[in-house]
Amino acid sequence: MPISNENRDKIDKMNRASQNVLLGTIVQKLDNVINAGSPIEYLNISGSSDDILFNVFQNGSGSAIKIGNADNYLSISNNGDIRLSGSATTWDDLRFPANSINPPGGIGGAAVDTADSPFIGTLLFDSNTTEIVAGQAQMPHKWKLGSLISPHVHWSPTSISTGSVVWQFDCDVASAHEAFSGTYTTSGSVAIYADGTINNHIVSDIIDLDMTGKGLSAIILWRISRIGGSASDTYPDDARLLEFDIHYEIDSLRSNEEYVKNT
């Protein structure tokens, strides 16, 4: 039903009045925050302190803008630091495509596929023995310090045979200025069933790695193995590694300083 010109004028006047009150209230409260001897804790533009849509607050460490709700929000501090909290955090991959991994020689390195096909450069893990690849990863500055990370493999069966492939992850982790143990101190393994679909792209989570206490620029010395000699590894043909990845949680765009990230 069309709105008459008279009613449209009334609606426009109501909108202008509402905007004027809202903007006036915001300006007045911002002035109070800036000039008051004891600034208010919360300035809620919309919502309440328990259900925040947008607020400005001050605490002992300075002022901040917070967008979201009490538990899940984006915040910007007075020094420009941007943080994500609760379910506002995001995830990304540290990526190691198979063609960028150099298999070690002489200690059961996986074979490089050299056939002229889309899979050239990928790595083939034998069904009868334990074969490995290894590498190093540095945690990015935007990583949420101490949060779990999730190493996993992208791989494919190379035949229509069925059976399980056992993938194992081992690592040694040290923060900057902390000594490595010199041995693989953490490991996890998983048996994943191949259902007979050749070249099926399978993503297999191996372990959730506890990184409690690990700091900025922590280094992970990692090893991925197919345990082909295991009784649980029943797939009779090569398993093709496409990529190894580490999922990590992000709560900021950067660290506060070059080697320090405030929590």
Protein backbone atom coordinates (compact mmCIF):
# COMPACT_ATOMS: atom_id res chain seq x y z
CA MET A 1 0.00 0.00 0.00
CA PRO A 2 1.57 3.37 -1.04
CA ILE A 3 2.50 5.84 1.70
CA SER A 4 0.80 9.21 1.35
CA ASN A 5 2.90 12.37 1.13
CA GLU A 6 1.46 13.53 4.46
CA ASN A 7 2.46 10.30 6.23
CA ARG A 8 5.87 10.30 4.56
CA ASP A 9 6.51 13.81 5.93
CA LYS A 10 5.56 12.60 9.43
CA ILE A 11 7.90 9.61 9.16
CA ASP A 12 10.75 11.85 7.99
CA LYS A 13 10.21 14.19 10.94
CA MET A 14 10.19 11.26 13.38
CA ASN A 15 13.43 9.91 11.89
CA ARG A 16 15.13 13.31 12.11
CA ALA A 17 14.02 13.75 15.72
CA SER A 18 15.25 10.25 16.62
CA GLN A 19 18.63 10.85 14.98
CA ASN A 20 19.04 14.20 16.72
CA VAL A 21 18.34 12.71 20.14
CA LEU A 22 20.63 9.75 19.53
CA LEU A 23 23.52 11.84 18.25
CA GLY A 24 23.08 14.40 21.02
CA THR A 25 23.12 11.68 23.65
CA ILE A 26 26.25 10.12 22.13
CA VAL A 27 28.11 13.44 21.98
CA GLN A 28 27.17 14.30 25.56
CA LYS A 29 28.27 10.91 26.88
CA LEU A 30 31.52 11.02 24.93
CA ASP A 31 32.20 14.45 26.41
CA ASN A 32 31.62 13.00 29.89
CA VAL A 33 34.06 10.19 29.22
CA ILE A 34 36.75 12.57 27.99
CA ASN A 35 36.36 15.29 30.62
CA ALA A 36 35.11 13.57 33.77
CA GLY A 37 37.56 13.12 36.61
CA SER A 38 36.32 9.55 37.07
CA PRO A 39 35.20 8.37 33.61
CA ILE A 40 32.23 6.05 33.34
CA GLU A 41 33.12 2.41 32.76
CA TYR A 42 30.79 1.86 29.80
CA LEU A 43 29.31 4.06 27.10
CA ASN A 44 26.80 1.88 25.29
CA ILE A 45 25.69 3.32 21.98
CA SER A 46 23.22 0.46 21.61
CA GLY A 47 22.35 -2.44 23.86
CA SER A 48 23.52 -2.89 27.43
CA SER A 49 26.74 -3.84 29.16
CA ASP A 50 25.59 -7.46 29.09
CA ASP A 51 24.54 -7.38 25.44
CA ILE A 52 26.87 -4.92 23.77
CA LEU A 53 26.53 -3.81 20.18
CA PHE A 54 28.99 -0.93 20.40
CA ASN A 55 30.59 0.67 23.44
CA VAL A 56 33.48 2.77 24.57
CA PHE A 57 34.98 1.99 27.95
CA GLN A 58 37.97 2.79 30.11
CA ASN A 59 39.89 0.61 32.51
CA GLY A 60 43.27 0.62 34.17
CA SER A 61 45.08 -0.08 30.90
CA GLY A 62 43.43 2.70 28.90
CA SER A 63 40.40 3.12 26.69
CA ALA A 64 38.95 0.85 24.05
CA ILE A 65 36.13 0.50 21.59
CA LYS A 66 34.28 -2.80 21.73
CA ILE A 67 31.89 -4.15 19.10
CA GLY A 68 29.93 -7.35 19.76
CA ASN A 69 28.62 -8.67 23.07
CA ALA A 70 30.08 -9.23 26.52
CA ASP A 71 31.90 -12.45 25.56
CA ASN A 72 32.35 -12.29 21.78
CA TYR A 73 33.66 -9.05 20.35
CA LEU A 74 36.17 -7.05 18.33
CA SER A 75 38.06 -4.46 20.39
CA ILE A 76 40.35 -1.59 19.43
CA SER A 77 42.61 -0.23 22.16
CA ASN A 78 43.81 3.35 22.49
CA ASN A 79 47.16 2.33 20.92
CA GLY A 80 45.39 0.90 17.87
CA ASP A 81 45.74 -2.78 18.79
CA ILE A 82 42.89 -4.83 17.28
CA ARG A 83 41.81 -8.00 19.10
CA LEU A 84 39.18 -10.69 18.56
CA SER A 85 37.70 -12.46 21.58
CA GLY A 86 35.40 -15.44 22.13
CA SER A 87 33.70 -16.69 18.99
CA ALA A 88 34.98 -13.62 17.10
CA THR A 89 38.38 -15.31 16.65
CA THR A 90 39.13 -16.78 13.23
CA TRP A 91 41.21 -19.67 11.85
CA ASP A 92 43.84 -20.06 9.14
CA ASP A 93 46.39 -22.60 7.90
CA LEU A 94 50.14 -22.85 8.06
CA ARG A 95 50.54 -24.66 4.73
CA PHE A 96 53.15 -27.12 3.49
CA PRO A 97 52.24 -28.32 -0.03
CA ALA A 98 53.82 -31.67 -0.87
CA ASN A 99 55.99 -30.18 -3.63
CA SER A 100 57.59 -27.77 -1.11
CA ILE A 101 58.64 -30.53 1.31
CA ASN A 102 62.05 -32.11 0.73
CA PRO A 103 61.91 -35.75 1.88
CA PRO A 104 64.98 -36.72 3.92
CA GLY A 105 67.32 -39.20 2.27
CA GLY A 106 68.41 -42.48 3.81
CA ILE A 107 65.85 -42.65 6.62
CA GLY A 108 62.70 -43.77 4.89
CA GLY A 109 61.80 -40.66 2.95
CA ALA A 110 58.57 -40.77 0.93
CA ALA A 111 58.99 -40.92 -2.86
CA VAL A 112 58.33 -37.93 -5.11
CA ASP A 113 55.80 -38.63 -7.88
CA THR A 114 57.57 -37.71 -11.15
CA ALA A 115 54.87 -38.90 -13.56
CA ASP A 116 53.53 -36.35 -16.03
CA SER A 117 50.14 -35.87 -14.40
CA PRO A 118 48.35 -33.30 -12.21
CA PHE A 119 49.92 -35.08 -9.22
CA ILE A 120 53.54 -34.43 -10.23
CA GLY A 121 55.57 -33.34 -7.21
CA THR A 122 53.27 -34.95 -4.65
CA LEU A 123 54.65 -37.55 -2.23
CA LEU A 124 53.95 -41.28 -2.25
CA PHE A 125 54.02 -43.24 1.03
CA ASP A 126 54.58 -46.99 0.81
CA SER A 127 52.18 -49.56 2.27
CA ASN A 128 54.74 -51.92 3.78
CA THR A 129 57.18 -49.72 5.68
CA THR A 130 57.27 -46.53 7.72
CA GLU A 131 58.06 -43.54 5.49
CA ILE A 132 58.40 -39.94 6.60
CA VAL A 133 58.69 -36.29 5.65
CA ALA A 134 59.78 -33.55 8.03
CA GLY A 135 59.94 -29.79 8.29
CA GLN A 136 59.73 -26.71 10.50
CA ALA A 137 56.97 -24.18 11.19
CA GLN A 138 57.02 -20.83 12.99
CA MET A 139 53.82 -19.65 14.63
CA PRO A 140 52.65 -16.29 13.17
CA HIS A 141 52.37 -13.10 15.21
CA LYS A 142 48.57 -13.10 14.78
CA TRP A 143 48.25 -16.53 16.48
CA LYS A 144 46.25 -16.55 19.75
CA LEU A 145 49.06 -17.33 22.17
CA GLY A 146 48.78 -20.67 23.94
CA SER A 147 45.74 -21.87 21.99
CA LEU A 148 45.46 -25.36 20.52
CA ILE A 149 46.68 -26.00 16.99
CA SER A 150 45.48 -28.83 14.73
CA PRO A 151 47.98 -30.59 12.44
CA HIS A 152 46.29 -32.50 9.61
CA VAL A 153 47.01 -34.04 6.21
CA HIS A 154 45.37 -33.75 2.81
CA TRP A 155 45.90 -37.02 0.94
CA SER A 156 44.52 -39.39 -1.70
CA PRO A 157 44.40 -43.17 -2.30
CA THR A 158 46.16 -44.15 -5.51
CA SER A 159 43.99 -47.18 -6.36
CA ILE A 160 40.49 -48.61 -6.00
CA SER A 161 41.66 -50.85 -3.14
CA THR A 162 40.09 -50.42 0.29
CA GLY A 163 41.67 -50.32 3.73
CA SER A 164 43.00 -47.94 6.38
CA VAL A 165 46.05 -45.68 6.23
CA VAL A 166 47.81 -44.81 9.51
CA TRP A 167 49.18 -41.26 9.61
CA GLN A 168 51.35 -40.14 12.53
CA PHE A 169 52.45 -36.66 13.60
CA ASP A 170 55.51 -36.07 15.84
CA CYS A 171 57.00 -32.78 16.97
CA ASP A 172 59.36 -30.88 19.25
CA VAL A 173 58.31 -27.30 20.12
CA ALA A 174 60.22 -24.38 21.63
CA SER A 175 59.47 -20.70 22.14
CA ALA A 176 62.08 -18.10 21.23
CA HIS A 177 65.03 -18.29 23.67
CA GLU A 178 63.88 -21.73 24.90
CA ALA A 179 65.84 -24.93 24.22
CA PHE A 180 64.40 -27.73 22.12
CA SER A 181 64.38 -31.11 23.82
CA GLY A 182 66.20 -32.69 20.87
CA THR A 183 63.63 -35.51 20.59
CA TYR A 184 60.07 -35.74 19.31
CA THR A 185 58.18 -35.14 22.54
CA THR A 186 54.59 -35.09 21.24
CA SER A 187 52.93 -37.50 18.87
CA GLY A 188 49.51 -38.60 17.69
CA SER A 189 48.25 -41.02 15.08
CA VAL A 190 45.01 -41.78 13.26
CA ALA A 191 43.83 -44.63 11.01
CA ILE A 192 41.71 -43.37 8.09
CA TYR A 193 39.68 -45.68 5.84
CA ALA A 194 39.97 -45.50 2.06
CA ASP A 195 36.66 -46.66 0.55
CA GLY A 196 37.88 -47.57 -2.93
CA THR A 197 37.51 -44.14 -4.55
CA ILE A 198 40.75 -43.54 -6.41
CA ASN A 199 42.24 -40.02 -6.07
CA ASN A 200 39.66 -39.09 -3.42
CA HIS A 201 40.73 -35.90 -1.61
CA ILE A 202 40.69 -36.86 2.08
CA VAL A 203 41.38 -34.45 4.96
CA SER A 204 42.49 -36.22 8.14
CA ASP A 205 42.93 -34.49 11.52
CA ILE A 206 45.72 -36.19 13.47
CA ILE A 207 45.95 -34.42 16.83
CA ASP A 208 44.97 -31.25 18.70
CA LEU A 209 48.33 -30.01 19.94
CA ASP A 210 48.47 -28.28 23.34
CA MET A 211 50.55 -25.09 23.00
CA THR A 212 50.02 -23.83 26.56
CA GLY A 213 52.93 -21.63 27.61
CA LYS A 214 54.40 -21.29 24.13
CA GLY A 215 55.21 -17.75 23.12
CA LEU A 216 55.55 -15.50 20.12
CA SER A 217 57.42 -17.03 17.14
CA ALA A 218 57.45 -20.52 18.67
CA ILE A 219 59.03 -23.05 16.30
CA ILE A 220 57.56 -26.51 15.65
CA LEU A 221 59.95 -29.20 14.40
CA TRP A 222 57.51 -31.68 12.84
CA ARG A 223 57.47 -35.08 11.20
CA ILE A 224 54.66 -36.79 9.26
CA SER A 225 54.80 -40.58 8.85
CA ARG A 226 52.73 -43.28 7.25
CA ILE A 227 53.13 -46.29 9.52
CA GLY A 228 52.82 -48.81 6.69
CA GLY A 229 54.09 -51.70 8.80
CA SER A 230 51.35 -51.26 11.42
CA ALA A 231 48.68 -53.93 11.77
CA SER A 232 46.16 -51.08 11.63
CA ASP A 233 47.44 -49.93 8.22
CA THR A 234 45.55 -52.20 5.82
CA TYR A 235 45.48 -50.15 2.59
CA PRO A 236 47.74 -52.14 0.19
CA ASP A 237 48.95 -49.35 -2.12
CA ASP A 238 50.70 -45.99 -2.03
CA ALA A 239 49.01 -43.15 -0.14
CA ARG A 240 49.57 -39.79 -1.83
CA LEU A 241 50.31 -36.77 0.38
CA LEU A 242 48.93 -33.60 -1.20
CA GLU A 243 49.63 -31.16 1.64
CA PHE A 244 50.33 -30.96 5.35
CA ASP A 245 48.64 -28.10 7.26
CA ILE A 246 48.40 -26.72 10.77
CA HIS A 247 45.16 -24.95 11.71
CA TYR A 248 45.75 -22.13 14.18
CA GLU A 249 43.45 -19.64 15.90
CA ILE A 250 43.80 -15.89 15.22
CA ASP A 251 42.91 -13.15 17.71
CA SER A 252 44.81 -10.14 16.29
CA LEU A 253 46.37 -8.68 13.17
CA ARG A 254 49.85 -8.50 14.67
CA SER A 255 51.89 -8.48 17.87
CA ASN A 256 52.12 -5.35 20.01
CA GLU A 257 55.91 -5.23 19.60
CA GLU A 258 58.39 -7.04 17.37
CA TYR A 259 58.99 -9.82 19.90
CA VAL A 260 56.20 -9.23 22.44
CA LYS A 261 52.46 -9.82 22.16
CA ASN A 262 50.40 -8.62 25.12
CA THR A 263 47.55 -10.95 26.10
